[in-house]
Protein backbone atom coordinates (compact mmCIF):
# COMPACT_ATOMS: atom_id res chain seq x y z
CA MET A 1 -7.37 3.97 -32.53
CA LYS A 2 -8.94 6.53 -30.21
CA LEU A 3 -8.83 5.97 -26.46
CA ILE A 4 -12.61 5.54 -26.03
CA GLU A 5 -12.75 3.04 -28.90
CA TRP A 6 -9.77 1.13 -27.50
CA MET A 7 -11.34 1.02 -24.03
CA ASP A 8 -14.55 -0.42 -25.46
CA LYS A 9 -12.78 -3.07 -27.55
CA SER A 10 -9.55 -3.98 -25.77
CA LEU A 11 -9.73 -2.94 -22.11
CA PRO A 12 -11.87 -5.96 -21.08
CA GLY A 13 -9.06 -8.26 -22.22
CA VAL A 14 -6.47 -6.37 -20.17
CA VAL A 15 -8.74 -6.45 -17.14
CA GLU A 16 -9.26 -10.19 -17.53
CA HIS A 17 -5.51 -10.86 -17.67
CA LEU A 18 -4.81 -8.65 -14.64
CA ALA A 19 -7.51 -10.32 -12.55
CA ARG A 20 -6.25 -13.78 -13.55
CA SER A 21 -2.69 -12.86 -12.53
CA VAL A 22 -3.80 -11.61 -9.11
CA LYS A 23 -5.84 -14.76 -8.51
CA LEU A 24 -2.92 -17.00 -9.54
CA HIS A 25 -0.38 -15.10 -7.40
CA PRO A 26 -2.29 -13.96 -4.29
CA THR A 27 0.90 -13.46 -2.23
CA THR A 28 1.42 -10.16 -4.08
CA SER A 29 -2.10 -8.92 -3.38
CA THR A 30 -3.22 -7.42 -0.08
CA GLN A 31 -6.70 -8.89 -0.41
CA LYS A 32 -6.58 -12.55 0.59
CA ARG A 33 -9.05 -13.23 3.34
CA PHE A 34 -7.67 -10.35 5.39
CA SER A 35 -6.96 -6.66 4.95
CA LEU A 36 -3.22 -6.12 4.70
CA ALA A 37 -2.27 -2.46 5.07
CA GLY A 38 -0.88 -0.77 2.01
CA GLN A 39 2.24 1.39 1.98
CA LYS A 40 0.39 4.68 2.43
CA GLU A 41 -1.41 3.49 5.56
CA VAL A 42 1.91 2.43 7.13
CA HIS A 43 3.50 5.72 6.08
CA THR A 44 0.67 7.63 7.77
CA VAL A 45 1.20 5.81 11.08
CA LEU A 46 4.97 6.25 10.86
CA ASP A 47 4.56 9.98 10.32
CA ALA A 48 2.24 10.11 13.34
CA PHE A 49 4.94 8.59 15.56
CA ALA A 50 7.54 10.98 14.11
CA ALA A 51 5.24 13.89 14.95
CA ILE A 52 5.05 12.67 18.54
CA LEU A 53 8.84 12.46 18.83
CA PHE A 54 9.35 15.93 17.33
CA PRO A 55 6.09 17.84 17.88
CA GLY A 56 5.30 20.37 15.19
CA CYS A 57 8.53 19.78 13.27
CA HIS A 58 7.36 17.48 10.48
CA ASN A 59 3.56 17.53 10.48
CA GLY A 60 0.79 18.82 12.68
CA SER A 61 1.19 21.75 15.03
CA ALA A 62 3.12 22.06 18.24
CA GLN A 63 1.02 22.06 21.40
CA PRO A 64 1.45 24.40 24.37
CA ALA A 65 3.34 22.79 27.24
CA GLU A 66 0.23 22.60 29.42
CA ARG A 67 -1.61 20.58 26.73
CA LEU A 68 1.25 18.29 25.78
CA ASP A 69 0.24 15.36 27.99
CA MET A 70 -3.32 15.38 26.65
CA ALA A 71 -2.15 15.74 23.05
CA PHE A 72 0.28 12.82 23.39
CA HIS A 73 -2.46 10.70 24.95
CA VAL A 74 -4.83 11.31 22.04
CA GLN A 75 -2.15 10.90 19.37
CA LEU A 76 -0.73 7.71 20.84
CA ARG A 77 -4.13 6.06 21.26
CA SER A 78 -4.94 6.76 17.61
CA ALA A 79 -1.53 5.70 16.26
CA ALA A 80 -1.44 2.58 18.44
CA ALA A 81 -4.88 1.41 17.29
CA ALA A 82 -4.01 1.86 13.61
CA LEU A 83 -0.58 0.24 13.94
CA THR A 84 -1.95 -2.74 15.88
CA ASP A 85 -4.39 -3.54 13.07
CA GLN A 86 -1.59 -3.24 10.52
CA VAL A 87 0.78 -5.46 12.51
CA GLN A 88 -1.93 -8.07 13.09
CA SER A 89 -2.57 -8.25 9.34
CA ALA A 90 1.17 -8.53 8.70
CA PHE A 91 1.46 -11.48 11.10
CA ARG A 92 -1.51 -13.16 9.44
CA TYR A 93 -0.01 -12.64 6.00
CA GLN A 94 3.33 -14.12 7.08
CA CYS A 95 1.59 -17.15 8.55
CA GLU A 96 -0.22 -17.63 5.25
CA PHE A 97 2.99 -17.20 3.25
CA GLU A 98 4.95 -19.64 5.43
CA GLN A 99 2.02 -22.04 5.74
CA CYS A 100 2.38 -21.84 9.50
CA LYS A 101 1.42 -25.08 11.26
CA GLU A 102 1.53 -23.85 14.87
CA CYS A 103 0.35 -20.28 14.51
CA GLY A 104 -0.07 -18.30 17.69
CA ASP A 105 -2.50 -15.52 18.36
CA CYS A 106 -1.69 -12.85 15.77
CA ARG A 107 -3.70 -10.20 17.64
CA LYS A 108 -1.88 -10.92 20.88
CA LYS A 109 1.52 -10.70 19.16
CA ALA A 110 0.51 -7.48 17.43
CA GLU A 111 -0.61 -5.85 20.67
CA ALA A 112 2.59 -6.94 22.43
CA ALA A 113 4.73 -5.47 19.64
CA VAL A 114 2.92 -2.12 19.66
CA ILE A 115 3.05 -1.90 23.45
CA PHE A 116 6.79 -2.60 23.28
CA LEU A 117 7.26 0.21 20.76
CA ILE A 118 5.22 2.73 22.75
CA GLU A 119 6.98 1.87 25.99
CA SER A 120 10.27 2.42 24.12
CA LEU A 121 9.33 5.91 22.92
CA PRO A 122 10.77 7.85 25.90
CA ALA A 123 14.13 6.08 25.45
CA ILE A 124 13.93 6.62 21.68
CA ARG A 125 13.31 10.31 22.24
CA ASP A 126 16.32 10.52 24.57
CA VAL A 127 18.68 8.79 22.15
CA LEU A 128 17.42 10.92 19.25
CA GLN A 129 18.33 14.00 21.27
CA ARG A 130 21.85 12.60 21.41
CA ASP A 131 21.76 12.04 17.65
CA VAL A 132 20.69 15.65 17.09
CA GLN A 133 23.48 16.92 19.32
CA ALA A 134 26.04 14.70 17.56
CA ALA A 135 25.00 16.16 14.21
CA TYR A 136 25.28 19.71 15.55
CA ASP A 137 28.68 19.04 17.11
CA GLY A 138 29.92 17.19 14.04
CA ASP A 139 28.90 19.66 11.33
CA PRO A 140 30.37 23.18 11.41
CA ALA A 141 27.72 24.24 8.87
CA ALA A 142 24.87 23.58 11.32
CA ARG A 143 23.42 26.79 12.74
CA SER A 144 20.98 25.29 15.25
CA LEU A 145 19.54 22.07 16.60
CA MET A 146 16.21 22.83 14.91
CA GLU A 147 17.94 23.05 11.54
CA ILE A 148 19.09 19.46 12.04
CA VAL A 149 15.68 18.19 13.16
CA MET A 150 13.80 19.81 10.28
CA SER A 151 16.22 19.40 7.39
CA TYR A 152 19.01 16.84 7.89
CA PRO A 153 18.37 13.57 6.02
CA GLY A 154 20.59 11.60 8.38
CA LEU A 155 18.42 12.55 11.34
CA GLN A 156 15.26 11.68 9.42
CA ALA A 157 16.66 8.27 8.50
CA ILE A 158 17.82 7.37 12.00
CA SER A 159 14.51 8.58 13.47
CA VAL A 160 12.59 6.16 11.27
CA HIS A 161 15.06 3.41 12.11
CA ARG A 162 14.60 3.93 15.83
CA ILE A 163 10.82 3.54 15.38
CA ALA A 164 11.06 0.49 13.11
CA HIS A 165 13.74 -1.37 15.11
CA PRO A 166 11.56 -2.28 18.14
CA LEU A 167 8.96 -3.77 15.78
CA TYR A 168 11.72 -5.78 14.09
CA LEU A 169 12.88 -7.05 17.49
CA LYS A 170 9.34 -8.32 18.10
CA GLY A 171 9.41 -10.25 14.84
CA VAL A 172 6.88 -8.06 13.04
CA PRO A 173 6.89 -8.89 9.31
CA LEU A 174 6.61 -6.34 6.48
CA ILE A 175 5.89 -3.20 8.53
CA PRO A 176 9.47 -2.37 9.64
CA ARG A 177 10.75 -2.78 6.07
CA ILE A 178 8.01 -0.56 4.68
CA MET A 179 9.04 2.07 7.21
CA SER A 180 12.76 1.81 6.46
CA GLU A 181 12.22 1.91 2.72
CA LEU A 182 10.15 5.07 3.09
CA ALA A 183 13.15 6.67 4.81
CA HIS A 184 15.34 5.29 2.01
CA SER A 185 13.16 6.87 -0.67
CA ARG A 186 13.01 10.20 1.19
CA THR A 187 16.68 10.51 2.14
CA GLY A 188 18.77 8.17 -0.03
CA ILE A 189 19.93 6.41 3.17
CA ASP A 190 19.22 2.67 3.38
CA ILE A 191 19.18 1.34 6.96
CA HIS A 192 17.76 -2.12 7.51
CA PRO A 193 15.47 -2.13 10.57
CA GLY A 194 17.45 -5.01 12.05
CA ALA A 195 20.67 -3.02 12.45
CA LYS A 196 21.69 -2.23 16.05
CA ILE A 197 22.77 1.41 16.28
CA GLY A 198 23.98 3.21 19.40
CA GLY A 199 23.30 6.79 20.39
CA GLY A 200 25.13 9.88 19.20
CA PHE A 201 24.98 8.55 15.64
CA PHE A 202 25.61 11.03 12.83
CA ILE A 203 25.41 10.50 9.07
CA ASP A 204 26.85 13.58 7.35
CA HIS A 205 25.25 14.34 3.96
CA GLY A 206 24.02 10.75 3.83
CA THR A 207 23.18 10.00 0.20
CA GLY A 208 24.07 6.43 -0.74
CA VAL A 209 24.72 5.11 2.78
CA VAL A 210 23.80 1.43 3.18
CA ILE A 211 23.65 -0.30 6.58
CA GLY A 212 22.81 -4.02 6.52
CA GLU A 213 20.49 -6.04 8.72
CA THR A 214 23.07 -7.57 11.07
CA CYS A 215 25.26 -4.49 11.47
CA ILE A 216 26.22 -3.49 15.00
CA ILE A 217 27.16 0.18 15.41
CA GLY A 218 28.40 1.51 18.73
CA GLU A 219 28.14 4.87 20.44
CA ASN A 220 29.09 8.21 18.84
CA VAL A 221 29.88 6.83 15.39
CA LYS A 222 30.08 9.15 12.39
CA LEU A 223 29.53 8.13 8.75
CA TYR A 224 29.82 10.17 5.58
CA GLN A 225 27.96 9.78 2.29
CA GLY A 226 28.33 6.66 0.19
CA VAL A 227 29.46 4.37 3.03
CA THR A 228 28.44 0.72 2.69
CA LEU A 229 28.33 -1.63 5.67
CA GLY A 230 27.44 -4.76 3.78
CA ALA A 231 27.80 -8.51 3.36
CA LEU A 232 30.67 -10.33 1.67
CA SER A 233 28.54 -13.14 0.31
CA PHE A 234 25.30 -14.98 0.89
CA PRO A 235 25.93 -18.52 2.22
CA LYS A 236 23.46 -21.10 0.98
CA ASP A 237 22.07 -24.34 2.36
CA GLU A 238 22.22 -27.76 0.71
CA HIS A 239 19.23 -26.82 -1.46
CA GLY A 240 20.86 -23.66 -2.76
CA ASN A 241 18.68 -21.29 -0.72
CA PRO A 242 20.22 -18.31 1.13
CA ILE A 243 20.74 -19.05 4.84
CA LYS A 244 18.89 -16.45 6.88
CA GLY A 245 19.46 -15.32 10.43
CA ILE A 246 23.28 -15.36 10.50
CA LYS A 247 25.56 -12.35 11.00
CA ARG A 248 26.58 -11.07 7.57
CA HIS A 249 27.48 -7.43 8.21
CA PRO A 250 30.31 -5.68 10.09
CA GLU A 251 30.55 -4.21 13.57
CA VAL A 252 31.63 -0.60 14.03
CA ARG A 253 32.65 0.22 17.58
CA ASP A 254 32.42 3.43 19.61
CA HIS A 255 33.75 6.76 18.31
CA ALA A 256 34.74 5.38 14.90
CA THR A 257 34.62 7.61 11.82
CA ILE A 258 34.10 6.29 8.29
CA TYR A 259 34.65 8.69 5.40
CA ALA A 260 32.85 8.99 2.08
CA GLY A 261 32.66 6.03 -0.26
CA ALA A 262 34.21 3.47 2.09
CA THR A 263 32.98 -0.12 1.72
CA ILE A 264 33.24 -2.40 4.75
CA LEU A 265 32.04 -5.96 4.31
CA GLY A 266 31.60 -9.19 6.24
CA GLY A 267 30.04 -10.50 9.43
CA GLU A 268 33.43 -11.04 11.10
CA THR A 269 34.80 -7.60 10.22
CA VAL A 270 35.20 -5.28 13.22
CA VAL A 271 36.18 -1.61 13.10
CA GLY A 272 37.80 -0.91 16.46
CA ASP A 273 37.03 1.88 18.91
CA GLY A 274 38.09 5.28 17.63
CA ALA A 275 39.29 3.95 14.28
CA VAL A 276 39.22 6.20 11.23
CA ILE A 277 38.48 4.65 7.83
CA GLY A 278 39.45 6.89 4.91
CA GLY A 279 37.43 7.65 1.82
CA ASN A 280 36.93 4.93 -0.82
CA VAL A 281 38.65 2.28 1.30
CA TRP A 282 37.63 -1.33 0.58
CA LEU A 283 37.83 -3.29 3.84
CA THR A 284 37.06 -6.97 4.44
CA HIS A 285 39.06 -7.61 7.61
CA SER A 286 39.10 -6.19 11.12
CA VAL A 287 41.16 -3.20 12.21
CA PRO A 288 42.21 -2.43 15.81
CA ALA A 289 41.17 0.46 18.02
CA ASN A 290 42.45 3.91 16.96
CA ALA A 291 43.72 2.60 13.63
CA LYS A 292 43.80 4.86 10.59
CA VAL A 293 43.06 3.10 7.32
CA TYR A 294 43.48 4.88 4.01
CA ASN A 295 44.48 4.25 0.42
CA GLN A 296 47.81 5.35 -0.94
CA GLN A 297 47.71 8.88 -2.28
CA PRO A 298 46.99 8.79 -6.02
CA GLN A 299 49.27 10.69 -8.39
CA PRO A 300 47.13 13.03 -10.50
CA VAL A 301 48.27 14.07 -13.95
CA ILE A 302 47.89 17.81 -14.59
CA GLN A 303 48.01 19.10 -18.12
CA VAL A 304 48.25 22.75 -19.12
CA ASP A 305 47.50 23.69 -22.74
CA GLY A 306 47.71 20.05 -23.76
CA LYS A 307 51.24 19.56 -22.36
């Protein structure tokens, strides 16, 4: 059957089924009595904040020093207005989803969250400078700080996290996760916006790193690719539903280093100050400060000409 013939005969049935599904399951549609921002709109605002933190490096053009104040003023007013509308819609959606009985003022909460983020931007910029320096100091292949800002996936991922985290702290639904999952898709690094991460943080290479919601990471910590800071299990209530809001992920203290492929699990697991966790280690209990944890050296078998 040719496409035009099929569209005339069969497309109306497909359209009918799609529309019925959306009407029956409105929680997966952004059009239910309010305009919930789609992914692309959130991505646009996120990129606007990234451009403010690193002018000219990711999008837009750098401004001369004498115009920087004015440029920031214009950019922040625009980004703040767009983000506030998005956050307000996210609060309204969550109230609808949870059938909120004592809902507060969604607009007021949205404005407070955006103000909190914007007031945090100078401190975010300062800590990102420490992250950039940590990457430069920690990677002998790095030729300049600008190389790290413009090309290192670890810096991109932590930049997004540092923007999303203040919104998470203010209880904003949806938006922080959309931001963090954009960084995940771009870099291969999965950082939940709830994780608490200190300054001087460096993820070398980065692909496959997972950092869970309740992780606490101290100052000057270095991770390599494939590291998982995850949960041991998901405790459930008497109805069999996962219990939310409890600490499920480990703590990594200052100056620790975790090498490629290590898996560290559990809310009570603590990696002490200055500890070094070797590659491919599986760890479910705490280790003290300055400990070195590694697997026994494997014994490879080497064959030459089949012998």
